[in-house]
PDB file of all heavy atoms in Angstrom:
ATOM      1  N   TYR A   1      -4.391  39.046  25.978  1.00  0.00           N
ATOM      2  CA  TYR A   1      -4.750  38.410  24.712  1.00  0.00           C
ATOM      3  C   TYR A   1      -6.242  38.614  24.441  1.00  0.00           C
ATOM      4  O   TYR A   1      -7.092  38.199  25.232  1.00  0.00           O
ATOM      5  CB  TYR A   1      -4.433  36.921  24.755  1.00  0.00           C
ATOM      6  CG  TYR A   1      -2.981  36.618  25.054  1.00  0.00           C
ATOM      7  CD1 TYR A   1      -2.600  36.036  26.268  1.00  0.00           C
ATOM      8  CD2 TYR A   1      -1.987  36.924  24.134  1.00  0.00           C
ATOM      9  CE1 TYR A   1      -1.276  35.757  26.540  1.00  0.00           C
ATOM     10  CE2 TYR A   1      -0.652  36.645  24.402  1.00  0.00           C
ATOM     11  CZ  TYR A   1      -0.307  36.072  25.605  1.00  0.00           C
ATOM     12  OH  TYR A   1       1.019  35.803  25.879  1.00  0.00           O
ATOM     13  N   GLY A   2      -6.545  39.272  23.340  1.00  0.00           N
ATOM     14  CA  GLY A   2      -7.933  39.442  22.929  1.00  0.00           C
ATOM     15  C   GLY A   2      -8.227  38.560  21.726  1.00  0.00           C
ATOM     16  O   GLY A   2      -7.356  38.310  20.893  1.00  0.00           O
ATOM     17  N   GLN A   3      -9.476  38.083  21.639  1.00  0.00           N
ATOM     18  CA  GLN A   3      -9.858  37.206  20.534  1.00  0.00           C
ATOM     19  C   GLN A   3     -11.141  37.693  19.880  1.00  0.00           C
ATOM     20  O   GLN A   3     -11.943  38.412  20.489  1.00  0.00           O
ATOM     21  CB  GLN A   3     -10.045  35.767  21.038  1.00  0.00           C
ATOM     22  CG  GLN A   3      -8.752  35.120  21.507  1.00  0.00           C
ATOM     23  CD  GLN A   3      -8.930  33.645  21.800  1.00  0.00           C
ATOM     24  OE1 GLN A   3      -9.810  33.259  22.562  1.00  0.00           O
ATOM     25  NE2 GLN A   3      -8.095  32.817  21.187  1.00  0.00           N
ATOM     26  N   ASN A   4     -11.320  37.296  18.635  1.00  0.00           N
ATOM     27  CA  ASN A   4     -12.512  37.659  17.881  1.00  0.00           C
ATOM     28  C   ASN A   4     -13.696  36.856  18.410  1.00  0.00           C
ATOM     29  O   ASN A   4     -13.902  35.695  18.044  1.00  0.00           O
ATOM     30  CB  ASN A   4     -12.291  37.388  16.395  1.00  0.00           C
ATOM     31  CG  ASN A   4     -13.481  37.825  15.552  1.00  0.00           C
ATOM     32  OD1 ASN A   4     -14.481  38.325  16.077  1.00  0.00           O
ATOM     33  ND2 ASN A   4     -13.376  37.633  14.254  1.00  0.00           N
ATOM     34  N   LEU A   5     -14.479  37.482  19.270  1.00  0.00           N
ATOM     35  CA  LEU A   5     -15.583  36.775  19.916  1.00  0.00           C
ATOM     36  C   LEU A   5     -16.710  36.416  18.944  1.00  0.00           C
ATOM     37  O   LEU A   5     -17.529  35.541  19.251  1.00  0.00           O
ATOM     38  CB  LEU A   5     -16.139  37.619  21.063  1.00  0.00           C
ATOM     39  CG  LEU A   5     -15.158  37.907  22.200  1.00  0.00           C
ATOM     40  CD1 LEU A   5     -15.837  38.719  23.297  1.00  0.00           C
ATOM     41  CD2 LEU A   5     -14.572  36.617  22.778  1.00  0.00           C
ATOM     42  N   LEU A   6     -16.759  37.064  17.797  1.00  0.00           N
ATOM     43  CA  LEU A   6     -17.809  36.738  16.832  1.00  0.00           C
ATOM     44  C   LEU A   6     -17.616  35.360  16.223  1.00  0.00           C
ATOM     45  O   LEU A   6     -18.524  34.844  15.552  1.00  0.00           O
ATOM     46  CB  LEU A   6     -17.880  37.798  15.735  1.00  0.00           C
ATOM     47  CG  LEU A   6     -18.481  39.141  16.158  1.00  0.00           C
ATOM     48  CD1 LEU A   6     -18.528  40.092  14.973  1.00  0.00           C
ATOM     49  CD2 LEU A   6     -19.891  38.954  16.734  1.00  0.00           C
ATOM     50  N   ASN A   7     -16.453  34.753  16.448  1.00  0.00           N
ATOM     51  CA  ASN A   7     -16.273  33.373  16.017  1.00  0.00           C
ATOM     52  C   ASN A   7     -17.072  32.404  16.892  1.00  0.00           C
ATOM     53  O   ASN A   7     -17.202  31.235  16.560  1.00  0.00           O
ATOM     54  CB  ASN A   7     -14.790  32.994  16.058  1.00  0.00           C
ATOM     55  CG  ASN A   7     -14.007  33.635  14.927  1.00  0.00           C
ATOM     56  OD1 ASN A   7     -14.577  34.015  13.903  1.00  0.00           O
ATOM     57  ND2 ASN A   7     -12.703  33.776  15.108  1.00  0.00           N
ATOM     58  N   ASN A   8     -17.586  32.921  17.995  1.00  0.00           N
ATOM     59  CA  ASN A   8     -18.467  32.144  18.865  1.00  0.00           C
ATOM     60  C   ASN A   8     -19.902  32.654  18.676  1.00  0.00           C
ATOM     61  O   ASN A   8     -20.208  33.792  19.029  1.00  0.00           O
ATOM     62  CB  ASN A   8     -18.037  32.310  20.329  1.00  0.00           C
ATOM     63  CG  ASN A   8     -18.856  31.464  21.284  1.00  0.00           C
ATOM     64  OD1 ASN A   8     -19.975  31.056  20.990  1.00  0.00           O
ATOM     65  ND2 ASN A   8     -18.305  31.215  22.458  1.00  0.00           N
ATOM     66  N   PRO A   9     -20.808  31.857  18.102  1.00  0.00           N
ATOM     67  CA  PRO A   9     -22.168  32.334  17.808  1.00  0.00           C
ATOM     68  C   PRO A   9     -22.917  32.878  19.028  1.00  0.00           C
ATOM     69  O   PRO A   9     -23.812  33.710  18.882  1.00  0.00           O
ATOM     70  CB  PRO A   9     -22.865  31.087  17.254  1.00  0.00           C
ATOM     71  CG  PRO A   9     -21.758  30.227  16.729  1.00  0.00           C
ATOM     72  CD  PRO A   9     -20.597  30.474  17.644  1.00  0.00           C
ATOM     73  N   TRP A  10     -22.551  32.441  20.225  1.00  0.00           N
ATOM     74  CA  TRP A  10     -23.265  32.898  21.412  1.00  0.00           C
ATOM     75  C   TRP A  10     -23.185  34.402  21.561  1.00  0.00           C
ATOM     76  O   TRP A  10     -24.160  35.043  21.985  1.00  0.00           O
ATOM     77  CB  TRP A  10     -22.676  32.210  22.651  1.00  0.00           C
ATOM     78  CG  TRP A  10     -23.423  32.512  23.918  1.00  0.00           C
ATOM     79  CD1 TRP A  10     -24.560  31.903  24.371  1.00  0.00           C
ATOM     80  CD2 TRP A  10     -23.095  33.518  24.886  1.00  0.00           C
ATOM     81  NE1 TRP A  10     -24.962  32.459  25.568  1.00  0.00           N
ATOM     82  CE2 TRP A  10     -24.077  33.453  25.913  1.00  0.00           C
ATOM     83  CE3 TRP A  10     -22.074  34.457  25.003  1.00  0.00           C
ATOM     84  CZ2 TRP A  10     -24.054  34.287  27.015  1.00  0.00           C
ATOM     85  CZ3 TRP A  10     -22.050  35.285  26.107  1.00  0.00           C
ATOM     86  CH2 TRP A  10     -23.029  35.203  27.094  1.00  0.00           C
ATOM     87  N   PHE A  11     -22.047  35.005  21.203  1.00  0.00           N
ATOM     88  CA  PHE A  11     -21.851  36.445  21.394  1.00  0.00           C
ATOM     89  C   PHE A  11     -22.635  37.283  20.383  1.00  0.00           C
ATOM     90  O   PHE A  11     -22.733  38.500  20.543  1.00  0.00           O
ATOM     91  CB  PHE A  11     -20.361  36.790  21.328  1.00  0.00           C
ATOM     92  CG  PHE A  11     -19.585  36.307  22.521  1.00  0.00           C
ATOM     93  CD1 PHE A  11     -18.786  35.176  22.431  1.00  0.00           C
ATOM     94  CD2 PHE A  11     -19.670  36.964  23.736  1.00  0.00           C
ATOM     95  CE1 PHE A  11     -18.077  34.722  23.526  1.00  0.00           C
ATOM     96  CE2 PHE A  11     -18.959  36.517  24.842  1.00  0.00           C
ATOM     97  CZ  PHE A  11     -18.163  35.390  24.738  1.00  0.00           C
ATOM     98  N   HIS A  12     -23.195  36.659  19.351  1.00  0.00           N
ATOM     99  CA  HIS A  12     -24.001  37.401  18.382  1.00  0.00           C
ATOM    100  C   HIS A  12     -25.300  37.909  19.003  1.00  0.00           C
ATOM    101  O   HIS A  12     -25.951  38.785  18.434  1.00  0.00           O
ATOM    102  CB  HIS A  12     -24.324  36.509  17.176  1.00  0.00           C
ATOM    103  CG  HIS A  12     -23.141  36.228  16.312  1.00  0.00           C
ATOM    104  ND1 HIS A  12     -23.101  36.574  14.979  1.00  0.00           N
ATOM    105  CD2 HIS A  12     -21.953  35.645  16.583  1.00  0.00           C
ATOM    106  CE1 HIS A  12     -21.942  36.202  14.457  1.00  0.00           C
ATOM    107  NE2 HIS A  12     -21.224  35.633  15.414  1.00  0.00           N
ATOM    108  N   PHE A  13     -25.683  37.366  20.139  1.00  0.00           N
ATOM    109  CA  PHE A  13     -26.983  37.693  20.718  1.00  0.00           C
ATOM    110  C   PHE A  13     -26.865  38.374  22.084  1.00  0.00           C
ATOM    111  O   PHE A  13     -27.855  38.522  22.786  1.00  0.00           O
ATOM    112  CB  PHE A  13     -27.824  36.405  20.846  1.00  0.00           C
ATOM    113  CG  PHE A  13     -27.934  35.647  19.560  1.00  0.00           C
ATOM    114  CD1 PHE A  13     -27.132  34.535  19.309  1.00  0.00           C
ATOM    115  CD2 PHE A  13     -28.812  36.064  18.568  1.00  0.00           C
ATOM    116  CE1 PHE A  13     -27.218  33.835  18.111  1.00  0.00           C
ATOM    117  CE2 PHE A  13     -28.908  35.368  17.366  1.00  0.00           C
ATOM    118  CZ  PHE A  13     -28.116  34.261  17.130  1.00  0.00           C
ATOM    119  N   VAL A  14     -25.655  38.789  22.437  1.00  0.00           N
ATOM    120  CA  VAL A  14     -25.427  39.455  23.717  1.00  0.00           C
ATOM    121  C   VAL A  14     -25.247  40.946  23.472  1.00  0.00           C
ATOM    122  O   VAL A  14     -24.268  41.370  22.861  1.00  0.00           O
ATOM    123  CB  VAL A  14     -24.187  38.877  24.433  1.00  0.00           C
ATOM    124  CG1 VAL A  14     -23.950  39.596  25.762  1.00  0.00           C
ATOM    125  CG2 VAL A  14     -24.353  37.384  24.660  1.00  0.00           C
ATOM    126  N   GLU A  15     -26.208  41.747  23.903  1.00  0.00           N
ATOM    127  CA  GLU A  15     -26.121  43.194  23.721  1.00  0.00           C
ATOM    128  C   GLU A  15     -25.742  43.870  25.052  1.00  0.00           C
ATOM    129  O   GLU A  15     -26.096  43.368  26.127  1.00  0.00           O
ATOM    130  CB  GLU A  15     -27.473  43.739  23.225  1.00  0.00           C
ATOM    131  CG  GLU A  15     -27.831  43.317  21.812  1.00  0.00           C
ATOM    132  CD  GLU A  15     -26.909  43.925  20.767  1.00  0.00           C
ATOM    133  OE1 GLU A  15     -26.096  44.813  21.102  1.00  0.00           O
ATOM    134  OE2 GLU A  15     -26.999  43.492  19.601  1.00  0.00           O
ATOM    135  N   PRO A  16     -25.001  44.992  24.979  1.00  0.00           N
ATOM    136  CA  PRO A  16     -24.581  45.729  23.777  1.00  0.00           C
ATOM    137  C   PRO A  16     -23.292  45.214  23.167  1.00  0.00           C
ATOM    138  O   PRO A  16     -22.795  45.785  22.197  1.00  0.00           O
ATOM    139  CB  PRO A  16     -24.389  47.150  24.313  1.00  0.00           C
ATOM    140  CG  PRO A  16     -23.944  46.946  25.707  1.00  0.00           C
ATOM    141  CD  PRO A  16     -24.664  45.734  26.221  1.00  0.00           C
ATOM    142  N   LEU A  17     -22.745  44.118  23.736  1.00  0.00           N
ATOM    143  CA  LEU A  17     -21.481  43.585  23.233  1.00  0.00           C
ATOM    144  C   LEU A  17     -21.550  43.274  21.745  1.00  0.00           C
ATOM    145  O   LEU A  17     -20.650  43.615  20.980  1.00  0.00           O
ATOM    146  CB  LEU A  17     -21.101  42.338  24.022  1.00  0.00           C
ATOM    147  CG  LEU A  17     -19.874  41.565  23.533  1.00  0.00           C
ATOM    148  CD1 LEU A  17     -18.631  42.444  23.562  1.00  0.00           C
ATOM    149  CD2 LEU A  17     -19.663  40.309  24.378  1.00  0.00           C
ATOM    150  N   SER A  18     -22.634  42.652  21.301  1.00  0.00           N
ATOM    151  CA  SER A  18     -22.737  42.246  19.904  1.00  0.00           C
ATOM    152  C   SER A  18     -22.651  43.444  18.964  1.00  0.00           C
ATOM    153  O   SER A  18     -21.965  43.405  17.937  1.00  0.00           O
ATOM    154  CB  SER A  18     -24.039  41.476  19.670  1.00  0.00           C
ATOM    155  OG  SER A  18     -24.169  41.129  18.314  1.00  0.00           O
ATOM    156  N   SER A  19     -23.334  44.532  19.305  1.00  0.00           N
ATOM    157  CA  SER A  19     -23.297  45.728  18.449  1.00  0.00           C
ATOM    158  C   SER A  19     -21.886  46.285  18.360  1.00  0.00           C
ATOM    159  O   SER A  19     -21.440  46.718  17.286  1.00  0.00           O
ATOM    160  CB  SER A  19     -24.248  46.793  18.998  1.00  0.00           C
ATOM    161  OG  SER A  19     -25.582  46.352  18.922  1.00  0.00           O
ATOM    162  N   PHE A  20     -21.175  46.287  19.480  1.00  0.00           N
ATOM    163  CA  PHE A  20     -19.798  46.765  19.447  1.00  0.00           C
ATOM    164  C   PHE A  20     -18.932  45.849  18.589  1.00  0.00           C
ATOM    165  O   PHE A  20     -18.126  46.314  17.775  1.00  0.00           O
ATOM    166  CB  PHE A  20     -19.223  46.848  20.860  1.00  0.00           C
ATOM    167  CG  PHE A  20     -17.738  47.083  20.883  1.00  0.00           C
ATOM    168  CD1 PHE A  20     -17.225  48.347  20.637  1.00  0.00           C
ATOM    169  CD2 PHE A  20     -16.851  46.041  21.122  1.00  0.00           C
ATOM    170  CE1 PHE A  20     -15.857  48.575  20.632  1.00  0.00           C
ATOM    171  CE2 PHE A  20     -15.484  46.251  21.124  1.00  0.00           C
ATOM    172  CZ  PHE A  20     -14.990  47.523  20.878  1.00  0.00           C
ATOM    173  N   LEU A  21     -19.067  44.544  18.758  1.00  0.00           N
ATOM    174  CA  LEU A  21     -18.226  43.612  18.018  1.00  0.00           C
ATOM    175  C   LEU A  21     -18.410  43.743  16.512  1.00  0.00           C
ATOM    176  O   LEU A  21     -17.482  43.463  15.737  1.00  0.00           O
ATOM    177  CB  LEU A  21     -18.528  42.179  18.459  1.00  0.00           C
ATOM    178  CG  LEU A  21     -18.165  41.822  19.907  1.00  0.00           C
ATOM    179  CD1 LEU A  21     -18.593  40.400  20.227  1.00  0.00           C
ATOM    180  CD2 LEU A  21     -16.676  42.014  20.165  1.00  0.00           C
ATOM    181  N   GLN A  22     -19.592  44.192  16.090  1.00  0.00           N
ATOM    182  CA  GLN A  22     -19.828  44.403  14.661  1.00  0.00           C
ATOM    183  C   GLN A  22     -18.989  45.557  14.113  1.00  0.00           C
ATOM    184  O   GLN A  22     -18.826  45.693  12.896  1.00  0.00           O
ATOM    185  CB  GLN A  22     -21.314  44.687  14.410  1.00  0.00           C
ATOM    186  CG  GLN A  22     -22.261  43.567  14.819  1.00  0.00           C
ATOM    187  CD  GLN A  22     -22.071  42.301  14.010  1.00  0.00           C
ATOM    188  OE1 GLN A  22     -21.649  42.338  12.866  1.00  0.00           O
ATOM    189  NE2 GLN A  22     -22.403  41.165  14.609  1.00  0.00           N
ATOM    190  N   GLN A  23     -18.476  46.399  15.010  1.00  0.00           N
ATOM    191  CA  GLN A  23     -17.659  47.537  14.600  1.00  0.00           C
ATOM    192  C   GLN A  23     -16.161  47.204  14.556  1.00  0.00           C
ATOM    193  O   GLN A  23     -15.341  48.074  14.253  1.00  0.00           O
ATOM    194  CB  GLN A  23     -17.868  48.710  15.576  1.00  0.00           C
ATOM    195  CG  GLN A  23     -19.306  49.138  15.758  1.00  0.00           C
ATOM    196  CD  GLN A  23     -19.916  49.624  14.462  1.00  0.00           C
ATOM    197  OE1 GLN A  23     -19.313  50.429  13.755  1.00  0.00           O
ATOM    198  NE2 GLN A  23     -21.107  49.147  14.151  1.00  0.00           N
ATOM    199  N   VAL A  24     -15.817  45.958  14.858  1.00  0.00           N
ATOM    200  CA  VAL A  24     -14.415  45.562  14.958  1.00  0.00           C
ATOM    201  C   VAL A  24     -14.057  44.621  13.818  1.00  0.00           C
ATOM    202  O   VAL A  24     -14.786  43.663  13.542  1.00  0.00           O
ATOM    203  CB  VAL A  24     -14.130  44.875  16.311  1.00  0.00           C
ATOM    204  CG1 VAL A  24     -12.653  44.509  16.422  1.00  0.00           C
ATOM    205  CG2 VAL A  24     -14.539  45.782  17.467  1.00  0.00           C
ATOM    206  N   THR A  25     -12.936  44.908  13.163  1.00  0.00           N
ATOM    207  CA  THR A  25     -12.440  44.056  12.081  1.00  0.00           C
ATOM    208  C   THR A  25     -11.124  43.430  12.511  1.00  0.00           C
ATOM    209  O   THR A  25     -10.181  44.131  12.902  1.00  0.00           O
ATOM    210  CB  THR A  25     -12.217  44.877  10.800  1.00  0.00           C
ATOM    211  OG1 THR A  25     -13.444  45.495  10.409  1.00  0.00           O
ATOM    212  CG2 THR A  25     -11.713  43.983   9.678  1.00  0.00           C
ATOM    213  N   TRP A  26     -11.074  42.112  12.456  1.00  0.00           N
ATOM    214  CA  TRP A  26      -9.885  41.374  12.871  1.00  0.00           C
ATOM    215  C   TRP A  26      -9.119  40.880  11.655  1.00  0.00           C
ATOM    216  O   TRP A  26      -9.699  40.261  10.767  1.00  0.00           O
ATOM    217  CB  TRP A  26     -10.263  40.183  13.731  1.00  0.00           C
ATOM    218  CG  TRP A  26     -10.842  40.528  15.062  1.00  0.00           C
ATOM    219  CD1 TRP A  26     -12.102  40.967  15.318  1.00  0.00           C
ATOM    220  CD2 TRP A  26     -10.171  40.476  16.324  1.00  0.00           C
ATOM    221  NE1 TRP A  26     -12.273  41.191  16.662  1.00  0.00           N
ATOM    222  CE2 TRP A  26     -11.102  40.892  17.313  1.00  0.00           C
ATOM    223  CE3 TRP A  26      -8.872  40.110  16.720  1.00  0.00           C
ATOM    224  CZ2 TRP A  26     -10.766  40.959  18.662  1.00  0.00           C
ATOM    225  CZ3 TRP A  26      -8.547  40.164  18.063  1.00  0.00           C
ATOM    226  CH2 TRP A  26      -9.486  40.582  19.019  1.00  0.00           C
ATOM    227  N   GLN A  27      -7.806  41.122  11.630  1.00  0.00           N
ATOM    228  CA  GLN A  27      -6.954  40.505  10.623  1.00  0.00           C
ATOM    229  C   GLN A  27      -6.382  39.185  11.138  1.00  0.00           C
ATOM    230  O   GLN A  27      -5.961  38.339  10.354  1.00  0.00           O
ATOM    231  CB  GLN A  27      -5.814  41.446  10.239  1.00  0.00           C
ATOM    232  CG  GLN A  27      -6.268  42.686   9.480  1.00  0.00           C
ATOM    233  CD  GLN A  27      -5.100  43.498   8.988  1.00  0.00           C
ATOM    234  OE1 GLN A  27      -4.008  42.976   8.767  1.00  0.00           O
ATOM    235  NE2 GLN A  27      -5.315  44.790   8.806  1.00  0.00           N
ATOM    236  N   ARG A  28      -6.348  39.058  12.452  1.00  0.00           N
ATOM    237  CA  ARG A  28      -5.974  37.802  13.098  1.00  0.00           C
ATOM    238  C   ARG A  28      -7.018  37.521  14.168  1.00  0.00           C
ATOM    239  O   ARG A  28      -7.604  38.443  14.726  1.00  0.00           O
ATOM    240  CB  ARG A  28      -4.593  37.903  13.746  1.00  0.00           C
ATOM    241  CG  ARG A  28      -3.450  38.109  12.773  1.00  0.00           C
ATOM    242  CD  ARG A  28      -2.130  38.172  13.506  1.00  0.00           C
ATOM    243  NE  ARG A  28      -1.003  38.320  12.604  1.00  0.00           N
ATOM    244  CZ  ARG A  28       0.263  38.470  13.006  1.00  0.00           C
ATOM    245  NH1 ARG A  28       0.535  38.472  14.307  1.00  0.00           N
ATOM    246  NH2 ARG A  28       1.237  38.610  12.131  1.00  0.00           N
ATOM    247  N   ASP A  29      -7.234  36.260  14.482  1.00  0.00           N
ATOM    248  CA  ASP A  29      -8.260  35.915  15.472  1.00  0.00           C
ATOM    249  C   ASP A  29      -7.815  36.195  16.904  1.00  0.00           C
ATOM    250  O   ASP A  29      -8.637  36.211  17.813  1.00  0.00           O
ATOM    251  CB  ASP A  29      -8.660  34.444  15.324  1.00  0.00           C
ATOM    252  CG  ASP A  29      -9.513  34.223  14.085  1.00  0.00           C
ATOM    253  OD1 ASP A  29     -10.117  35.193  13.598  1.00  0.00           O
ATOM    254  OD2 ASP A  29      -9.557  33.076  13.606  1.00  0.00           O
ATOM    255  N   THR A  30      -6.515  36.400  17.095  1.00  0.00           N
ATOM    256  CA  THR A  30      -5.988  36.728  18.421  1.00  0.00           C
ATOM    257  C   THR A  30      -5.005  37.882  18.285  1.00  0.00           C
ATOM    258  O   THR A  30      -4.189  37.905  17.357  1.00  0.00           O
ATOM    259  CB  THR A  30      -5.272  35.523  19.053  1.00  0.00           C
ATOM    260  OG1 THR A  30      -6.194  34.434  19.159  1.00  0.00           O
ATOM    261  CG2 THR A  30      -4.737  35.860  20.438  1.00  0.00           C
ATOM    262  N   ALA A  31      -5.089  38.851  19.194  1.00  0.00           N
ATOM    263  CA  ALA A  31      -4.183  40.000  19.174  1.00  0.00           C
ATOM    264  C   ALA A  31      -3.870  40.397  20.607  1.00  0.00           C
ATOM    265  O   ALA A  31      -4.634  40.119  21.537  1.00  0.00           O
ATOM    266  CB  ALA A  31      -4.806  41.174  18.422  1.00  0.00           C
ATOM    267  N   VAL A  32      -2.729  41.061  20.788  1.00  0.00           N
ATOM    268  CA  VAL A  32      -2.336  41.574  22.104  1.00  0.00           C
ATOM    269  C   VAL A  32      -2.891  42.989  22.248  1.00  0.00           C
ATOM    270  O   VAL A  32      -2.555  43.882  21.477  1.00  0.00           O
ATOM    271  CB  VAL A  32      -0.810  41.577  22.280  1.00  0.00           C
ATOM    272  CG1 VAL A  32      -0.424  42.178  23.633  1.00  0.00           C
ATOM    273  CG2 VAL A  32      -0.256  40.157  22.159  1.00  0.00           C
ATOM    274  N   LEU A  33      -3.753  43.179  23.244  1.00  0.00           N
ATOM    275  CA  LEU A  33      -4.396  44.462  23.484  1.00  0.00           C
ATOM    276  C   LEU A  33      -3.861  45.060  24.784  1.00  0.00           C
ATOM    277  O   LEU A  33      -3.185  44.395  25.556  1.00  0.00           O
ATOM    278  CB  LEU A  33      -5.910  44.281  23.551  1.00  0.00           C
ATOM    279  CG  LEU A  33      -6.539  43.495  22.391  1.00  0.00           C
ATOM    280  CD1 LEU A  33      -8.036  43.323  22.598  1.00  0.00           C
ATOM    281  CD2 LEU A  33      -6.248  44.176  21.047  1.00  0.00           C
ATOM    282  N   ARG A  34      -4.174  46.348  25.008  1.00  0.00           N
ATOM    283  CA  ARG A  34      -3.704  47.070  26.200  1.00  0.00           C
ATOM    284  C   ARG A  34      -2.187  46.914  26.373  1.00  0.00           C
ATOM    285  O   ARG A  34      -1.673  46.687  27.458  1.00  0.00           O
ATOM    286  CB  ARG A  34      -4.438  46.572  27.451  1.00  0.00           C
ATOM    287  CG  ARG A  34      -4.242  47.464  28.683  1.00  0.00           C
ATOM    288  CD  ARG A  34      -4.786  46.811  29.940  1.00  0.00           C
ATOM    289  NE  ARG A  34      -4.347  47.497  31.147  1.00  0.00           N
ATOM    290  CZ  ARG A  34      -4.494  47.033  32.378  1.00  0.00           C
ATOM    291  NH1 ARG A  34      -5.092  45.875  32.578  1.00  0.00           N
ATOM    292  NH2 ARG A  34      -4.058  47.715  33.412  1.00  0.00           N
ATOM    293  N   TRP A  35      -1.446  47.056  25.289  1.00  0.00           N
ATOM    294  CA  TRP A  35      -0.018  46.779  25.328  1.00  0.00           C
ATOM    295  C   TRP A  35       0.815  47.989  25.753  1.00  0.00           C
ATOM    296  O   TRP A  35       1.961  47.846  26.170  1.00  0.00           O
ATOM    297  CB  TRP A  35       0.452  46.304  23.951  1.00  0.00           C
ATOM    298  CG  TRP A  35       0.104  47.276  22.853  1.00  0.00           C
ATOM    299  CD1 TRP A  35      -1.008  47.244  22.065  1.00  0.00           C
ATOM    300  CD2 TRP A  35       0.842  48.426  22.471  1.00  0.00           C
ATOM    301  NE1 TRP A  35      -1.005  48.316  21.204  1.00  0.00           N
ATOM    302  CE2 TRP A  35       0.122  49.049  21.435  1.00  0.00           C
ATOM    303  CE3 TRP A  35       2.046  48.996  22.892  1.00  0.00           C
ATOM    304  CZ2 TRP A  35       0.561  50.219  20.806  1.00  0.00           C
ATOM    305  CZ3 TRP A  35       2.486  50.159  22.276  1.00  0.00           C
ATOM    306  CH2 TRP A  35       1.746  50.747  21.245  1.00  0.00           C
ATOM    307  N   ASP A  36       0.267  49.199  25.615  1.00  0.00           N
ATOM    308  CA  ASP A  36       1.016  50.394  25.994  1.00  0.00           C
ATOM    309  C   ASP A  36       1.035  50.516  27.519  1.00  0.00           C
ATOM    310  O   ASP A  36       0.054  50.175  28.184  1.00  0.00           O
ATOM    311  CB  ASP A  36       0.378  51.636  25.372  1.00  0.00           C
ATOM    312  CG  ASP A  36       1.336  52.815  25.286  1.00  0.00           C
ATOM    313  OD1 ASP A  36       2.489  52.678  25.736  1.00  0.00           O
ATOM    314  OD2 ASP A  36       0.933  53.872  24.776  1.00  0.00           O
ATOM    315  N   SER A  37       2.141  51.018  28.072  1.00  0.00           N
ATOM    316  CA  SER A  37       2.244  51.113  29.527  1.00  0.00           C
ATOM    317  C   SER A  37       3.295  52.141  29.905  1.00  0.00           C
ATOM    318  O   SER A  37       4.199  52.448  29.130  1.00  0.00           O
ATOM    319  CB  SER A  37       2.609  49.757  30.140  1.00  0.00           C
ATOM    320  OG  SER A  37       3.949  49.415  29.811  1.00  0.00           O
ATOM    321  N   TRP A  38       3.167  52.669  31.123  1.00  0.00           N
ATOM    322  CA  TRP A  38       4.200  53.573  31.634  1.00  0.00           C
ATOM    323  C   TRP A  38       5.536  52.850  31.707  1.00  0.00           C
ATOM    324  O   TRP A  38       6.583  53.445  31.423  1.00  0.00           O
ATOM    325  CB  TRP A  38       3.813  54.086  33.021  1.00  0.00           C
ATOM    326  CG  TRP A  38       2.773  55.147  32.980  1.00  0.00           C
ATOM    327  CD1 TRP A  38       2.880  56.387  32.407  1.00  0.00           C
ATOM    328  CD2 TRP A  38       1.457  55.086  33.524  1.00  0.00           C
ATOM    329  NE1 TRP A  38       1.701  57.097  32.565  1.00  0.00           N
ATOM    330  CE2 TRP A  38       0.812  56.316  33.257  1.00  0.00           C
ATOM    331  CE3 TRP A  38       0.752  54.110  34.226  1.00  0.00           C
ATOM    332  CZ2 TRP A  38      -0.488  56.590  33.661  1.00  0.00           C
ATOM    333  CZ3 TRP A  38      -0.536  54.386  34.626  1.00  0.00           C
ATOM    334  CH2 TRP A  38      -1.142  55.606  34.344  1.00  0.00           C
ATOM    335  N   ARG A  39       5.519  51.598  32.101  1.00  0.00           N
ATOM    336  CA  ARG A  39       6.772  50.868  32.280  1.00  0.00           C
ATOM    337  C   ARG A  39       7.637  50.928  31.015  1.00  0.00           C
ATOM    338  O   ARG A  39       8.856  51.103  31.090  1.00  0.00           O
ATOM    339  CB  ARG A  39       6.490  49.413  32.665  1.00  0.00           C
ATOM    340  CG  ARG A  39       7.679  48.455  32.594  1.00  0.00           C
ATOM    341  CD  ARG A  39       8.876  48.921  33.407  1.00  0.00           C
ATOM    342  NE  ARG A  39       8.607  48.995  34.808  1.00  0.00           N
ATOM    343  CZ  ARG A  39       8.740  47.976  35.652  1.00  0.00           C
ATOM    344  NH1 ARG A  39       9.116  46.790  35.220  1.00  0.00           N
ATOM    345  NH2 ARG A  39       8.501  48.133  36.929  1.00  0.00           N
TER     346      ARG A  39
END
């Protein structure tokens, strides 16, 4: 489960994470990531 960390003001000041998060657009605040698998 991944969440939109920019909803937490603390992450706005953590680099390089903050710069990356600015490149991400969320349609939902929570999404299932890394879902593809060999299984």
